[in-house]
Each structure stands twice: as structure tokens, then as C-alpha cells.
Amino acid sequence: MIFYLIKFKMKNKNEYYGGFIVSQNVINGVQIRYSYREKSSIPQLNGWNILSKIDDEEYISEPGNFSIISAEAMLKLAPVFLEIFDAPYGTDLFWKYEEDVHIGFYDLIGDCETNIERILNK
């Protein structure tokens, strides 16, 4: 019974968050470098697109290099992502690292360093 409740709650959470479009490189363990959110014409998608630090123009031009993943999967890849989930459409972030540890964000639209509070209060 407990397993069923946990599965049911996670299913509801995944439905609330919708799908994330994620580079296969990120899924395979490469650090996130860019994330941007655009209004999706498909209601099952939340508008977030996530690219790795090694994705170039040729790589991103191939749709097969991306997968749609759930909130549960995104949480495993980058727990901080669910903290910025509610950022408005149009958010465009560069992920900053120091010695391979995520230390913050750079707002590519505002051309400035930013933090979670500012990202959510646009």
C-alpha cells in the first residue's frame, strides 16, 4: 500500500511538472550549461529545454539527440532545477560551475549574474 501511495504521489508530481526536453549528453552525465524556457504548444511539455556544456550547433540540430524526461528524472540529474521550475517563459540561463560544482546562474537576457530569487521574480 505504501509503495502505491508513493508511486501515485510521484505520478501526480510528474503530471504537474510536465516533460523536460533534455540533451542526451545531460542524461549521460555531462554538466548542464544552458537552460531556457519557452511556451510549449504541447500541454504535456513545460517549456524547459536543457543543453549540456558540450552541445554545439550541429548536435542540437539533430532531434534524436534529445529526450523528454519526467520531473522525477530531472530531479535525479539536477535537483536545483525544480527550484527554478516556475521561472517565467523567456528565461534563458547559463549555468556556472567552479571545480565542477554548480555555483549559480548567469541570466543571458539580462546579461548579469542572477540567483534563484531573481529568476523567479522576473
N, C-alpha and C. Protein backbone atom coordinates (compact mmCIF):
# COMPACT_ATOMS: atom_id res chain seq x y z
N MET A 1 0.82 -1.20 0.00
CA MET A 1 0.00 0.00 0.00
C MET A 1 0.86 1.26 0.00
N ILE A 2 1.93 1.28 0.80
CA ILE A 2 2.81 2.45 0.86
C ILE A 2 3.47 2.69 -0.50
N PHE A 3 3.93 1.60 -1.14
CA PHE A 3 4.54 1.74 -2.46
C PHE A 3 3.55 2.37 -3.44
N TYR A 4 2.29 1.95 -3.40
CA TYR A 4 1.27 2.50 -4.28
C TYR A 4 1.11 4.00 -4.04
N LEU A 5 1.08 4.42 -2.77
CA LEU A 5 0.91 5.84 -2.46
C LEU A 5 2.10 6.66 -2.95
N ILE A 6 3.30 6.15 -2.76
CA ILE A 6 4.49 6.86 -3.23
C ILE A 6 4.45 6.97 -4.75
N LYS A 7 4.12 5.88 -5.42
CA LYS A 7 4.05 5.89 -6.88
C LYS A 7 2.96 6.87 -7.34
N PHE A 8 1.82 6.88 -6.68
CA PHE A 8 0.72 7.78 -7.04
C PHE A 8 1.13 9.24 -6.86
N LYS A 9 1.79 9.55 -5.74
CA LYS A 9 2.22 10.94 -5.50
C LYS A 9 3.24 11.38 -6.52
N MET A 10 4.20 10.52 -6.86
CA MET A 10 5.21 10.88 -7.85
C MET A 10 4.55 11.06 -9.21
N LYS A 11 3.59 10.19 -9.53
CA LYS A 11 2.90 10.34 -10.82
C LYS A 11 2.21 11.70 -10.87
N ASN A 12 1.56 12.09 -9.80
CA ASN A 12 0.91 13.40 -9.77
C ASN A 12 1.93 14.51 -9.92
N LYS A 13 3.07 14.39 -9.26
CA LYS A 13 4.11 15.41 -9.36
C LYS A 13 4.61 15.50 -10.80
N ASN A 14 4.85 14.37 -11.43
CA ASN A 14 5.32 14.37 -12.81
C ASN A 14 4.29 15.02 -13.73
N GLU A 15 3.01 14.75 -13.49
CA GLU A 15 1.97 15.36 -14.31
C GLU A 15 1.93 16.87 -14.10
N TYR A 16 2.14 17.33 -12.86
CA TYR A 16 2.15 18.76 -12.57
C TYR A 16 3.31 19.44 -13.32
N TYR A 17 4.48 18.85 -13.26
CA TYR A 17 5.65 19.47 -13.86
C TYR A 17 5.70 19.32 -15.37
N GLY A 18 5.16 18.27 -15.91
CA GLY A 18 5.24 18.04 -17.35
C GLY A 18 6.63 17.59 -17.77
N GLY A 19 6.82 17.43 -19.06
CA GLY A 19 8.08 16.91 -19.57
C GLY A 19 9.12 17.98 -19.84
N PHE A 20 10.38 17.62 -19.60
CA PHE A 20 11.55 18.46 -19.86
C PHE A 20 12.22 17.93 -21.12
N ILE A 21 12.61 18.80 -22.05
CA ILE A 21 13.37 18.38 -23.22
C ILE A 21 14.85 18.51 -22.86
N VAL A 22 15.54 17.37 -22.87
CA VAL A 22 16.90 17.31 -22.33
C VAL A 22 17.85 16.67 -23.33
N SER A 23 19.02 17.27 -23.46
CA SER A 23 20.08 16.72 -24.29
C SER A 23 20.49 15.35 -23.77
N GLN A 24 20.73 14.42 -24.69
CA GLN A 24 21.22 13.09 -24.30
C GLN A 24 22.53 13.20 -23.55
N ASN A 25 23.33 14.21 -23.87
CA ASN A 25 24.59 14.39 -23.15
C ASN A 25 24.34 14.63 -21.66
N VAL A 26 23.34 15.44 -21.33
CA VAL A 26 22.99 15.68 -19.92
C VAL A 26 22.53 14.38 -19.28
N ILE A 27 21.69 13.65 -19.98
CA ILE A 27 21.20 12.37 -19.45
C ILE A 27 22.36 11.41 -19.20
N ASN A 28 23.40 11.51 -20.03
CA ASN A 28 24.57 10.64 -19.88
C ASN A 28 25.62 11.18 -18.92
N GLY A 29 25.29 12.27 -18.20
CA GLY A 29 26.18 12.74 -17.14
C GLY A 29 26.98 13.99 -17.41
N VAL A 30 26.86 14.57 -18.60
CA VAL A 30 27.58 15.82 -18.89
C VAL A 30 26.85 16.97 -18.18
N GLN A 31 27.61 17.90 -17.63
CA GLN A 31 27.02 19.03 -16.89
C GLN A 31 26.10 19.87 -17.77
N ILE A 32 25.05 20.40 -17.13
CA ILE A 32 24.16 21.34 -17.81
C ILE A 32 24.90 22.65 -18.00
N ARG A 33 24.78 23.22 -19.19
CA ARG A 33 25.40 24.52 -19.45
C ARG A 33 24.34 25.60 -19.68
N TYR A 34 23.27 25.25 -20.40
CA TYR A 34 22.22 26.22 -20.71
C TYR A 34 20.85 25.61 -20.42
N SER A 35 19.96 26.44 -19.96
CA SER A 35 18.55 26.04 -19.86
C SER A 35 17.71 27.25 -20.23
N TYR A 36 16.70 27.01 -21.03
CA TYR A 36 15.81 28.10 -21.39
C TYR A 36 14.38 27.57 -21.40
N ARG A 37 13.46 28.49 -21.17
CA ARG A 37 12.05 28.10 -21.11
C ARG A 37 11.26 28.91 -22.13
N GLU A 38 10.52 28.18 -22.95
CA GLU A 38 9.66 28.80 -23.94
C GLU A 38 8.27 28.18 -23.83
N LYS A 39 7.27 28.93 -24.20
CA LYS A 39 5.90 28.42 -24.15
C LYS A 39 5.77 27.27 -25.13
N SER A 40 5.28 26.14 -24.65
CA SER A 40 5.13 24.96 -25.49
C SER A 40 3.73 24.90 -26.07
N SER A 41 3.64 24.46 -27.30
CA SER A 41 2.33 24.26 -27.92
C SER A 41 1.75 22.89 -27.54
N ILE A 42 2.54 22.09 -26.85
CA ILE A 42 2.12 20.76 -26.41
C ILE A 42 1.91 20.81 -24.90
N PRO A 43 0.69 20.60 -24.41
CA PRO A 43 0.42 20.77 -22.98
C PRO A 43 1.20 19.82 -22.07
N GLN A 44 1.69 18.71 -22.59
CA GLN A 44 2.44 17.77 -21.76
C GLN A 44 3.88 18.23 -21.51
N LEU A 45 4.33 19.26 -22.21
CA LEU A 45 5.68 19.78 -22.03
C LEU A 45 5.61 21.08 -21.24
N ASN A 46 6.62 21.32 -20.39
CA ASN A 46 6.62 22.51 -19.55
C ASN A 46 7.39 23.68 -20.16
N GLY A 47 8.02 23.46 -21.30
CA GLY A 47 8.74 24.54 -21.98
C GLY A 47 10.22 24.60 -21.68
N TRP A 48 10.69 23.81 -20.70
CA TRP A 48 12.12 23.83 -20.36
C TRP A 48 12.91 22.98 -21.35
N ASN A 49 14.02 23.56 -21.83
CA ASN A 49 14.97 22.89 -22.71
C ASN A 49 16.32 22.95 -22.02
N ILE A 50 17.01 21.81 -21.95
CA ILE A 50 18.25 21.74 -21.19
C ILE A 50 19.35 21.21 -22.10
N LEU A 51 20.46 21.97 -22.17
CA LEU A 51 21.60 21.63 -23.02
C LEU A 51 22.84 21.41 -22.16
N SER A 52 23.74 20.57 -22.64
CA SER A 52 24.98 20.30 -21.91
C SER A 52 26.09 21.26 -22.34
N LYS A 53 27.19 21.19 -21.62
CA LYS A 53 28.32 22.07 -21.92
C LYS A 53 29.05 21.68 -23.22
N ILE A 54 28.76 20.50 -23.76
CA ILE A 54 29.44 20.10 -25.00
C ILE A 54 28.52 20.12 -26.22
N ASP A 55 27.28 20.51 -26.04
CA ASP A 55 26.35 20.56 -27.17
C ASP A 55 26.70 21.75 -28.08
N ASP A 56 26.93 21.46 -29.35
CA ASP A 56 27.20 22.52 -30.32
C ASP A 56 26.04 22.61 -31.31
N GLU A 57 26.12 23.52 -32.26
CA GLU A 57 25.04 23.75 -33.22
C GLU A 57 24.68 22.48 -33.99
N GLU A 58 25.70 21.74 -34.41
CA GLU A 58 25.44 20.50 -35.15
C GLU A 58 24.69 19.50 -34.28
N TYR A 59 25.10 19.37 -33.04
CA TYR A 59 24.47 18.43 -32.11
C TYR A 59 23.01 18.81 -31.86
N ILE A 60 22.75 20.08 -31.58
CA ILE A 60 21.38 20.47 -31.23
C ILE A 60 20.45 20.51 -32.45
N SER A 61 21.01 20.48 -33.64
CA SER A 61 20.16 20.48 -34.84
C SER A 61 19.57 19.09 -35.11
N GLU A 62 20.01 18.08 -34.38
CA GLU A 62 19.52 16.72 -34.57
C GLU A 62 18.53 16.36 -33.47
N PRO A 63 17.22 16.27 -33.78
CA PRO A 63 16.20 15.97 -32.77
C PRO A 63 16.45 14.68 -31.99
N GLY A 64 17.09 13.72 -32.61
CA GLY A 64 17.37 12.45 -31.95
C GLY A 64 18.34 12.57 -30.79
N ASN A 65 18.99 13.71 -30.66
CA ASN A 65 19.93 13.93 -29.55
C ASN A 65 19.24 14.42 -28.29
N PHE A 66 17.90 14.45 -28.30
CA PHE A 66 17.14 14.94 -27.16
C PHE A 66 16.09 13.92 -26.76
N SER A 67 15.76 13.93 -25.48
CA SER A 67 14.70 13.09 -24.94
C SER A 67 13.80 13.94 -24.07
N ILE A 68 12.57 13.48 -23.91
CA ILE A 68 11.66 14.11 -22.96
C ILE A 68 11.69 13.28 -21.70
N ILE A 69 11.99 13.95 -20.58
CA ILE A 69 12.06 13.22 -19.31
C ILE A 69 11.09 13.82 -18.30
N SER A 70 10.80 13.05 -17.30
CA SER A 70 9.86 13.44 -16.25
C SER A 70 10.55 14.30 -15.18
N ALA A 71 9.74 14.86 -14.31
CA ALA A 71 10.26 15.63 -13.18
C ALA A 71 11.12 14.75 -12.28
N GLU A 72 10.69 13.52 -12.10
CA GLU A 72 11.44 12.59 -11.26
C GLU A 72 12.85 12.38 -11.82
N ALA A 73 12.95 12.19 -13.13
CA ALA A 73 14.25 12.01 -13.77
C ALA A 73 15.07 13.30 -13.69
N MET A 74 14.42 14.45 -13.90
CA MET A 74 15.13 15.73 -13.83
C MET A 74 15.67 15.97 -12.43
N LEU A 75 14.91 15.61 -11.43
CA LEU A 75 15.34 15.76 -10.04
C LEU A 75 16.62 14.97 -9.77
N LYS A 76 16.73 13.81 -10.37
CA LYS A 76 17.94 12.99 -10.20
C LYS A 76 19.14 13.61 -10.90
N LEU A 77 18.91 14.25 -12.06
CA LEU A 77 20.01 14.86 -12.82
C LEU A 77 20.48 16.18 -12.21
N ALA A 78 19.53 17.00 -11.78
CA ALA A 78 19.87 18.34 -11.26
C ALA A 78 18.79 18.78 -10.27
N PRO A 79 18.95 18.42 -9.00
CA PRO A 79 17.92 18.76 -8.00
C PRO A 79 17.57 20.24 -7.96
N VAL A 80 18.52 21.13 -8.20
CA VAL A 80 18.25 22.56 -8.16
C VAL A 80 17.26 22.98 -9.24
N PHE A 81 17.11 22.18 -10.26
CA PHE A 81 16.24 22.57 -11.36
C PHE A 81 14.80 22.77 -10.91
N LEU A 82 14.34 21.94 -10.00
CA LEU A 82 12.96 22.08 -9.56
C LEU A 82 12.76 23.35 -8.73
N GLU A 83 13.85 23.93 -8.22
CA GLU A 83 13.75 25.21 -7.51
C GLU A 83 13.50 26.37 -8.47
N ILE A 84 13.96 26.25 -9.70
CA ILE A 84 13.76 27.32 -10.69
C ILE A 84 12.64 26.99 -11.66
N PHE A 85 11.95 25.88 -11.43
CA PHE A 85 10.93 25.42 -12.35
C PHE A 85 9.91 26.49 -12.73
N ASP A 86 9.46 27.28 -11.77
CA ASP A 86 8.41 28.27 -12.02
C ASP A 86 8.89 29.56 -12.66
N ALA A 87 10.12 29.59 -13.12
CA ALA A 87 10.62 30.79 -13.82
C ALA A 87 9.72 31.07 -15.02
N PRO A 88 9.55 32.34 -15.36
CA PRO A 88 8.65 32.68 -16.47
C PRO A 88 9.19 32.22 -17.83
N TYR A 89 8.27 32.10 -18.79
CA TYR A 89 8.68 31.81 -20.16
C TYR A 89 9.60 32.95 -20.61
N GLY A 90 10.61 32.59 -21.37
CA GLY A 90 11.59 33.57 -21.81
C GLY A 90 12.86 33.54 -20.97
N THR A 91 12.85 32.82 -19.85
CA THR A 91 14.04 32.69 -19.02
C THR A 91 15.12 31.95 -19.82
N ASP A 92 16.34 32.48 -19.78
CA ASP A 92 17.45 31.91 -20.54
C ASP A 92 18.68 31.97 -19.64
N LEU A 93 19.12 30.80 -19.16
CA LEU A 93 20.17 30.76 -18.13
C LEU A 93 21.41 30.00 -18.58
N PHE A 94 22.56 30.55 -18.22
CA PHE A 94 23.85 29.90 -18.34
C PHE A 94 24.19 29.38 -16.96
N TRP A 95 24.55 28.10 -16.84
CA TRP A 95 24.87 27.50 -15.54
C TRP A 95 26.36 27.65 -15.26
N LYS A 96 26.68 28.24 -14.12
CA LYS A 96 28.08 28.49 -13.74
C LYS A 96 28.58 27.37 -12.83
N TYR A 97 29.86 27.01 -13.04
CA TYR A 97 30.50 25.96 -12.24
C TYR A 97 31.86 26.44 -11.76
N GLU A 98 32.25 25.92 -10.63
CA GLU A 98 33.59 26.13 -10.11
C GLU A 98 34.10 24.77 -9.66
N GLU A 99 35.18 24.32 -10.26
CA GLU A 99 35.74 22.99 -9.99
C GLU A 99 34.65 21.92 -10.09
N ASP A 100 33.88 21.98 -11.17
CA ASP A 100 32.82 21.02 -11.50
C ASP A 100 31.66 21.01 -10.51
N VAL A 101 31.51 22.04 -9.70
CA VAL A 101 30.38 22.16 -8.77
C VAL A 101 29.54 23.35 -9.21
N HIS A 102 28.24 23.12 -9.35
CA HIS A 102 27.34 24.19 -9.77
C HIS A 102 27.31 25.27 -8.69
N ILE A 103 27.59 26.54 -9.10
CA ILE A 103 27.65 27.63 -8.11
C ILE A 103 26.65 28.74 -8.39
N GLY A 104 25.94 28.68 -9.51
CA GLY A 104 24.98 29.75 -9.77
C GLY A 104 24.60 29.84 -11.23
N PHE A 105 23.96 30.98 -11.54
CA PHE A 105 23.41 31.19 -12.88
C PHE A 105 23.80 32.56 -13.41
N TYR A 106 23.86 32.64 -14.73
CA TYR A 106 24.03 33.91 -15.43
C TYR A 106 22.81 34.08 -16.32
N ASP A 107 22.13 35.20 -16.19
CA ASP A 107 20.93 35.49 -16.97
C ASP A 107 21.36 36.03 -18.32
N LEU A 108 21.12 35.27 -19.37
CA LEU A 108 21.55 35.67 -20.70
C LEU A 108 20.70 36.79 -21.29
N ILE A 109 19.47 36.93 -20.84
CA ILE A 109 18.60 38.02 -21.31
C ILE A 109 18.99 39.32 -20.61
N GLY A 110 19.15 39.27 -19.31
CA GLY A 110 19.51 40.45 -18.52
C GLY A 110 21.00 40.76 -18.56
N ASP A 111 21.81 39.83 -19.09
CA ASP A 111 23.26 39.99 -19.18
C ASP A 111 23.88 40.30 -17.82
N CYS A 112 23.52 39.44 -16.83
CA CYS A 112 24.04 39.63 -15.48
C CYS A 112 23.97 38.33 -14.68
N GLU A 113 24.79 38.26 -13.63
CA GLU A 113 24.68 37.14 -12.72
C GLU A 113 23.33 37.22 -12.02
N THR A 114 22.79 36.07 -11.67
CA THR A 114 21.48 36.05 -11.03
C THR A 114 21.43 34.93 -9.99
N ASN A 115 20.33 34.91 -9.26
CA ASN A 115 20.11 33.85 -8.27
C ASN A 115 18.67 33.37 -8.38
N ILE A 116 18.33 32.38 -7.61
CA ILE A 116 17.01 31.77 -7.71
C ILE A 116 15.90 32.78 -7.44
N GLU A 117 16.07 33.64 -6.44
CA GLU A 117 15.03 34.62 -6.13
C GLU A 117 14.77 35.55 -7.31
N ARG A 118 15.82 36.04 -7.93
CA ARG A 118 15.65 36.93 -9.08
C ARG A 118 15.07 36.19 -10.29
N ILE A 119 15.47 34.95 -10.47
CA ILE A 119 14.95 34.17 -11.58
C ILE A 119 13.44 34.02 -11.45
N LEU A 120 12.96 33.78 -10.24
CA LEU A 120 11.53 33.56 -10.02
C LEU A 120 10.72 34.84 -9.96
N ASN A 121 11.37 35.98 -9.73
CA ASN A 121 10.65 37.25 -9.58
C ASN A 121 10.76 38.16 -10.79
N LYS A 122 10.98 37.62 -11.94
CA LYS A 122 11.08 38.44 -13.15
C LYS A 122 9.81 39.16 -13.42
